[in-house]
PDB file of all heavy atoms in Angstrom:
ATOM      1  N   GLU A   1     195.002 175.073 120.108  1.00  0.00           N
ATOM      2  CA  GLU A   1     194.222 175.379 121.343  1.00  0.00           C
ATOM      3  C   GLU A   1     194.917 174.879 122.604  1.00  0.00           C
ATOM      4  O   GLU A   1     194.929 175.572 123.605  1.00  0.00           O
ATOM      5  CB  GLU A   1     192.821 174.722 121.207  1.00  0.00           C
ATOM      6  CG  GLU A   1     191.930 175.089 122.360  1.00  0.00           C
ATOM      7  CD  GLU A   1     190.510 174.516 122.130  1.00  0.00           C
ATOM      8  OE1 GLU A   1     190.356 173.598 121.306  1.00  0.00           O
ATOM      9  OE2 GLU A   1     189.613 174.994 122.828  1.00  0.00           O
ATOM     10  N   ASN A   2     195.535 173.704 122.559  1.00  0.00           N
ATOM     11  CA  ASN A   2     196.203 173.117 123.727  1.00  0.00           C
ATOM     12  C   ASN A   2     197.085 171.966 123.266  1.00  0.00           C
ATOM     13  O   ASN A   2     197.104 171.599 122.097  1.00  0.00           O
ATOM     14  CB  ASN A   2     195.151 172.629 124.764  1.00  0.00           C
ATOM     15  CG  ASN A   2     194.070 171.794 124.122  1.00  0.00           C
ATOM     16  OD1 ASN A   2     194.372 170.902 123.327  1.00  0.00           O
ATOM     17  ND2 ASN A   2     192.822 172.025 124.519  1.00  0.00           N
ATOM     18  N   ALA A   3     197.793 171.399 124.246  1.00  0.00           N
ATOM     19  CA  ALA A   3     198.712 170.287 123.934  1.00  0.00           C
ATOM     20  C   ALA A   3     197.981 169.066 123.391  1.00  0.00           C
ATOM     21  O   ALA A   3     198.511 168.296 122.527  1.00  0.00           O
ATOM     22  CB  ALA A   3     199.522 169.925 125.170  1.00  0.00           C
ATOM     23  N   GLU A   4     196.750 168.841 123.899  1.00  0.00           N
ATOM     24  CA  GLU A   4     195.996 167.697 123.474  1.00  0.00           C
ATOM     25  C   GLU A   4     195.660 167.720 121.976  1.00  0.00           C
ATOM     26  O   GLU A   4     195.721 166.734 121.227  1.00  0.00           O
ATOM     27  CB  GLU A   4     194.727 167.572 124.323  1.00  0.00           C
ATOM     28  CG  GLU A   4     193.935 166.275 124.085  1.00  0.00           C
ATOM     29  CD  GLU A   4     194.678 165.052 124.598  1.00  0.00           C
ATOM     30  OE1 GLU A   4     195.562 165.214 125.475  1.00  0.00           O
ATOM     31  OE2 GLU A   4     194.366 163.929 124.136  1.00  0.00           O
ATOM     32  N   SER A   5     195.324 168.909 121.444  1.00  0.00           N
ATOM     33  CA  SER A   5     195.009 169.048 120.037  1.00  0.00           C
ATOM     34  C   SER A   5     196.222 168.802 119.190  1.00  0.00           C
ATOM     35  O   SER A   5     196.135 168.228 118.116  1.00  0.00           O
ATOM     36  CB  SER A   5     194.424 170.410 119.764  1.00  0.00           C
ATOM     37  OG  SER A   5     195.311 171.451 120.125  1.00  0.00           O
ATOM     38  N   VAL A   6     197.438 169.219 119.628  1.00  0.00           N
ATOM     39  CA  VAL A   6     198.684 168.945 118.935  1.00  0.00           C
ATOM     40  C   VAL A   6     198.880 167.400 118.871  1.00  0.00           C
ATOM     41  O   VAL A   6     199.175 166.857 117.853  1.00  0.00           O
ATOM     42  CB  VAL A   6     199.866 169.614 119.610  1.00  0.00           C
ATOM     43  CG1 VAL A   6     201.186 169.215 118.910  1.00  0.00           C
ATOM     44  CG2 VAL A   6     199.702 171.124 119.617  1.00  0.00           C
ATOM     45  N   LYS A   7     198.740 166.774 120.013  1.00  0.00           N
ATOM     46  CA  LYS A   7     198.945 165.332 120.119  1.00  0.00           C
ATOM     47  C   LYS A   7     198.000 164.582 119.204  1.00  0.00           C
ATOM     48  O   LYS A   7     198.367 163.604 118.514  1.00  0.00           O
ATOM     49  CB  LYS A   7     198.757 164.885 121.557  1.00  0.00           C
ATOM     50  CG  LYS A   7     199.055 163.418 121.798  1.00  0.00           C
ATOM     51  CD  LYS A   7     198.901 163.114 123.270  1.00  0.00           C
ATOM     52  CE  LYS A   7     199.137 161.568 123.558  1.00  0.00           C
ATOM     53  NZ  LYS A   7     198.994 161.274 124.979  1.00  0.00           N
ATOM     54  N   ASN A   8     196.718 164.995 119.209  1.00  0.00           N
ATOM     55  CA  ASN A   8     195.738 164.309 118.413  1.00  0.00           C
ATOM     56  C   ASN A   8     196.061 164.432 116.904  1.00  0.00           C
ATOM     57  O   ASN A   8     195.935 163.455 116.156  1.00  0.00           O
ATOM     58  CB  ASN A   8     194.330 164.844 118.636  1.00  0.00           C
ATOM     59  CG  ASN A   8     193.800 164.434 119.990  1.00  0.00           C
ATOM     60  OD1 ASN A   8     194.248 163.411 120.571  1.00  0.00           O
ATOM     61  ND2 ASN A   8     192.864 165.190 120.531  1.00  0.00           N
ATOM     62  N   TYR A   9     196.495 165.602 116.479  1.00  0.00           N
ATOM     63  CA  TYR A   9     196.885 165.804 115.067  1.00  0.00           C
ATOM     64  C   TYR A   9     198.111 164.940 114.721  1.00  0.00           C
ATOM     65  O   TYR A   9     198.131 164.281 113.676  1.00  0.00           O
ATOM     66  CB  TYR A   9     197.143 167.234 114.791  1.00  0.00           C
ATOM     67  CG  TYR A   9     197.860 167.460 113.453  1.00  0.00           C
ATOM     68  CD1 TYR A   9     197.231 167.192 112.265  1.00  0.00           C
ATOM     69  CD2 TYR A   9     199.161 167.902 113.409  1.00  0.00           C
ATOM     70  CE1 TYR A   9     197.884 167.333 111.025  1.00  0.00           C
ATOM     71  CE2 TYR A   9     199.859 168.086 112.206  1.00  0.00           C
ATOM     72  CZ  TYR A   9     199.185 167.791 111.044  1.00  0.00           C
ATOM     73  OH  TYR A   9     199.848 167.933 109.835  1.00  0.00           O
ATOM     74  N   ALA A  10     199.101 164.973 115.614  1.00  0.00           N
ATOM     75  CA  ALA A  10     200.360 164.294 115.326  1.00  0.00           C
ATOM     76  C   ALA A  10     200.220 162.804 115.220  1.00  0.00           C
ATOM     77  O   ALA A  10     200.795 162.162 114.341  1.00  0.00           O
ATOM     78  CB  ALA A  10     201.377 164.688 116.409  1.00  0.00           C
ATOM     79  N   TYR A  11     199.363 162.179 116.109  1.00  0.00           N
ATOM     80  CA  TYR A  11     199.384 160.757 116.210  1.00  0.00           C
ATOM     81  C   TYR A  11     198.080 160.073 115.787  1.00  0.00           C
ATOM     82  O   TYR A  11     198.048 158.881 115.496  1.00  0.00           O
ATOM     83  CB  TYR A  11     199.738 160.354 117.659  1.00  0.00           C
ATOM     84  CG  TYR A  11     201.065 160.781 118.084  1.00  0.00           C
ATOM     85  CD1 TYR A  11     201.201 161.840 118.999  1.00  0.00           C
ATOM     86  CD2 TYR A  11     202.232 160.230 117.590  1.00  0.00           C
ATOM     87  CE1 TYR A  11     202.447 162.300 119.418  1.00  0.00           C
ATOM     88  CE2 TYR A  11     203.455 160.724 117.974  1.00  0.00           C
ATOM     89  CZ  TYR A  11     203.590 161.715 118.924  1.00  0.00           C
ATOM     90  OH  TYR A  11     204.848 162.119 119.264  1.00  0.00           O
ATOM     91  N   LYS A  12     196.989 160.873 115.726  1.00  0.00           N
ATOM     92  CA  LYS A  12     195.715 160.263 115.400  1.00  0.00           C
ATOM     93  C   LYS A  12     195.168 160.623 114.028  1.00  0.00           C
ATOM     94  O   LYS A  12     194.154 160.106 113.592  1.00  0.00           O
ATOM     95  CB  LYS A  12     194.650 160.614 116.482  1.00  0.00           C
ATOM     96  CG  LYS A  12     195.052 160.028 117.894  1.00  0.00           C
ATOM     97  CD  LYS A  12     193.980 160.351 118.883  1.00  0.00           C
ATOM     98  CE  LYS A  12     194.359 159.800 120.288  1.00  0.00           C
ATOM     99  NZ  LYS A  12     193.301 160.084 121.301  1.00  0.00           N
ATOM    100  N   THR A  13     195.786 161.656 113.399  1.00  0.00           N
ATOM    101  CA  THR A  13     195.396 162.027 112.020  1.00  0.00           C
ATOM    102  C   THR A  13     196.154 161.088 111.085  1.00  0.00           C
ATOM    103  O   THR A  13     197.381 161.083 111.043  1.00  0.00           O
ATOM    104  CB  THR A  13     195.748 163.460 111.728  1.00  0.00           C
ATOM    105  OG1 THR A  13     195.076 164.273 112.686  1.00  0.00           O
ATOM    106  CG2 THR A  13     195.288 163.864 110.361  1.00  0.00           C
ATOM    107  N   PHE A  14     195.431 160.323 110.279  1.00  0.00           N
ATOM    108  CA  PHE A  14     196.063 159.322 109.414  1.00  0.00           C
ATOM    109  C   PHE A  14     197.113 159.913 108.506  1.00  0.00           C
ATOM    110  O   PHE A  14     198.223 159.408 108.418  1.00  0.00           O
ATOM    111  CB  PHE A  14     195.020 158.565 108.584  1.00  0.00           C
ATOM    112  CG  PHE A  14     195.650 157.679 107.539  1.00  0.00           C
ATOM    113  CD1 PHE A  14     196.150 156.452 107.883  1.00  0.00           C
ATOM    114  CD2 PHE A  14     195.743 158.082 106.219  1.00  0.00           C
ATOM    115  CE1 PHE A  14     196.790 155.602 106.950  1.00  0.00           C
ATOM    116  CE2 PHE A  14     196.357 157.284 105.265  1.00  0.00           C
ATOM    117  CZ  PHE A  14     196.893 156.023 105.628  1.00  0.00           C
ATOM    118  N   ASP A  15     196.769 161.021 107.773  1.00  0.00           N
ATOM    119  CA  ASP A  15     197.695 161.565 106.800  1.00  0.00           C
ATOM    120  C   ASP A  15     199.033 161.989 107.455  1.00  0.00           C
ATOM    121  O   ASP A  15     200.100 161.767 106.928  1.00  0.00           O
ATOM    122  CB  ASP A  15     197.070 162.719 106.017  1.00  0.00           C
ATOM    123  CG  ASP A  15     196.053 162.230 105.054  1.00  0.00           C
ATOM    124  OD1 ASP A  15     196.366 161.341 104.253  1.00  0.00           O
ATOM    125  OD2 ASP A  15     194.916 162.744 105.045  1.00  0.00           O
ATOM    126  N   HIS A  16     198.876 162.686 108.597  1.00  0.00           N
ATOM    127  CA  HIS A  16     200.096 163.125 109.254  1.00  0.00           C
ATOM    128  C   HIS A  16     200.912 161.929 109.789  1.00  0.00           C
ATOM    129  O   HIS A  16     202.140 161.900 109.625  1.00  0.00           O
ATOM    130  CB  HIS A  16     199.790 164.142 110.375  1.00  0.00           C
ATOM    131  CG  HIS A  16     201.002 164.675 111.067  1.00  0.00           C
ATOM    132  ND1 HIS A  16     201.529 164.104 112.195  1.00  0.00           N
ATOM    133  CD2 HIS A  16     201.803 165.711 110.695  1.00  0.00           C
ATOM    134  CE1 HIS A  16     202.638 164.782 112.529  1.00  0.00           C
ATOM    135  NE2 HIS A  16     202.775 165.762 111.680  1.00  0.00           N
ATOM    136  N   ALA A  17     200.291 161.064 110.451  1.00  0.00           N
ATOM    137  CA  ALA A  17     200.969 159.888 111.003  1.00  0.00           C
ATOM    138  C   ALA A  17     201.641 159.070 109.893  1.00  0.00           C
ATOM    139  O   ALA A  17     202.757 158.595 110.066  1.00  0.00           O
ATOM    140  CB  ALA A  17     199.985 159.017 111.752  1.00  0.00           C
ATOM    141  N   ASP A  18     200.981 158.978 108.757  1.00  0.00           N
ATOM    142  CA  ASP A  18     201.534 158.227 107.602  1.00  0.00           C
ATOM    143  C   ASP A  18     202.773 158.933 107.048  1.00  0.00           C
ATOM    144  O   ASP A  18     203.763 158.302 106.718  1.00  0.00           O
ATOM    145  CB  ASP A  18     200.479 158.042 106.514  1.00  0.00           C
ATOM    146  CG  ASP A  18     200.952 157.133 105.420  1.00  0.00           C
ATOM    147  OD1 ASP A  18     201.451 156.033 105.751  1.00  0.00           O
ATOM    148  OD2 ASP A  18     200.798 157.505 104.234  1.00  0.00           O
ATOM    149  N   VAL A  19     202.689 160.289 107.000  1.00  0.00           N
ATOM    150  CA  VAL A  19     203.849 161.040 106.515  1.00  0.00           C
ATOM    151  C   VAL A  19     205.027 160.893 107.450  1.00  0.00           C
ATOM    152  O   VAL A  19     206.183 160.745 107.038  1.00  0.00           O
ATOM    153  CB  VAL A  19     203.454 162.519 106.318  1.00  0.00           C
ATOM    154  CG1 VAL A  19     204.717 163.390 106.100  1.00  0.00           C
ATOM    155  CG2 VAL A  19     202.532 162.697 105.146  1.00  0.00           C
ATOM    156  N   ILE A  20     204.771 160.896 108.747  1.00  0.00           N
ATOM    157  CA  ILE A  20     205.866 160.715 109.741  1.00  0.00           C
ATOM    158  C   ILE A  20     206.473 159.317 109.563  1.00  0.00           C
ATOM    159  O   ILE A  20     207.736 159.206 109.609  1.00  0.00           O
ATOM    160  CB  ILE A  20     205.302 160.878 111.195  1.00  0.00           C
ATOM    161  CG1 ILE A  20     204.872 162.279 111.418  1.00  0.00           C
ATOM    162  CG2 ILE A  20     206.387 160.455 112.183  1.00  0.00           C
ATOM    163  CD1 ILE A  20     205.961 163.310 111.290  1.00  0.00           C
ATOM    164  N   LYS A  21     205.656 158.330 109.323  1.00  0.00           N
ATOM    165  CA  LYS A  21     206.167 156.959 109.090  1.00  0.00           C
ATOM    166  C   LYS A  21     207.068 156.945 107.859  1.00  0.00           C
ATOM    167  O   LYS A  21     208.166 156.361 107.874  1.00  0.00           O
ATOM    168  CB  LYS A  21     205.001 155.999 108.937  1.00  0.00           C
ATOM    169  CG  LYS A  21     205.412 154.570 108.702  1.00  0.00           C
ATOM    170  CD  LYS A  21     204.172 153.692 108.508  1.00  0.00           C
ATOM    171  CE  LYS A  21     204.601 152.221 108.159  1.00  0.00           C
ATOM    172  NZ  LYS A  21     203.422 151.363 107.935  1.00  0.00           N
ATOM    173  N   LEU A  22     206.595 157.602 106.761  1.00  0.00           N
ATOM    174  CA  LEU A  22     207.408 157.638 105.560  1.00  0.00           C
ATOM    175  C   LEU A  22     208.696 158.406 105.772  1.00  0.00           C
ATOM    176  O   LEU A  22     209.736 158.069 105.159  1.00  0.00           O
ATOM    177  CB  LEU A  22     206.593 158.269 104.429  1.00  0.00           C
ATOM    178  CG  LEU A  22     205.441 157.451 103.827  1.00  0.00           C
ATOM    179  CD1 LEU A  22     204.615 158.271 102.914  1.00  0.00           C
ATOM    180  CD2 LEU A  22     205.982 156.200 103.109  1.00  0.00           C
ATOM    181  N   THR A  23     208.600 159.439 106.585  1.00  0.00           N
ATOM    182  CA  THR A  23     209.818 160.216 106.849  1.00  0.00           C
ATOM    183  C   THR A  23     210.910 159.364 107.385  1.00  0.00           C
ATOM    184  O   THR A  23     212.095 159.451 107.016  1.00  0.00           O
ATOM    185  CB  THR A  23     209.481 161.311 107.903  1.00  0.00           C
ATOM    186  OG1 THR A  23     208.572 162.241 107.305  1.00  0.00           O
ATOM    187  CG2 THR A  23     210.742 162.111 108.289  1.00  0.00           C
ATOM    188  N   ARG A  24     210.556 158.458 108.295  1.00  0.00           N
ATOM    189  CA  ARG A  24     211.551 157.571 108.934  1.00  0.00           C
ATOM    190  C   ARG A  24     212.014 156.493 107.961  1.00  0.00           C
ATOM    191  O   ARG A  24     213.208 156.207 107.849  1.00  0.00           O
ATOM    192  CB  ARG A  24     210.936 156.912 110.182  1.00  0.00           C
ATOM    193  CG  ARG A  24     210.406 157.882 111.232  1.00  0.00           C
ATOM    194  CD  ARG A  24     211.576 158.602 111.909  1.00  0.00           C
ATOM    195  NE  ARG A  24     211.060 159.594 112.890  1.00  0.00           N
ATOM    196  CZ  ARG A  24     210.994 160.840 112.709  1.00  0.00           C
ATOM    197  NH1 ARG A  24     211.378 161.366 111.594  1.00  0.00           N
ATOM    198  NH2 ARG A  24     210.499 161.639 113.692  1.00  0.00           N
ATOM    199  N   GLU A  25     211.063 155.916 107.220  1.00  0.00           N
ATOM    200  CA  GLU A  25     211.417 154.816 106.342  1.00  0.00           C
ATOM    201  C   GLU A  25     212.218 155.272 105.178  1.00  0.00           C
ATOM    202  O   GLU A  25     213.180 154.587 104.708  1.00  0.00           O
ATOM    203  CB  GLU A  25     210.097 154.149 105.846  1.00  0.00           C
ATOM    204  CG  GLU A  25     209.335 153.387 106.896  1.00  0.00           C
ATOM    205  CD  GLU A  25     208.024 152.808 106.359  1.00  0.00           C
ATOM    206  OE1 GLU A  25     207.657 153.158 105.199  1.00  0.00           O
ATOM    207  OE2 GLU A  25     207.383 152.042 107.090  1.00  0.00           O
TER     208      GLU A  25
END
C-alpha cells in the first residue's frame, strides 16, 4: 500500500526480522 507498510513488515514483523538476522549470522 505504501512505504510505511513495507517498513513495518521488514522491521516489526518478528518472523521476517528474525529471518533477516539469521541471514546475516
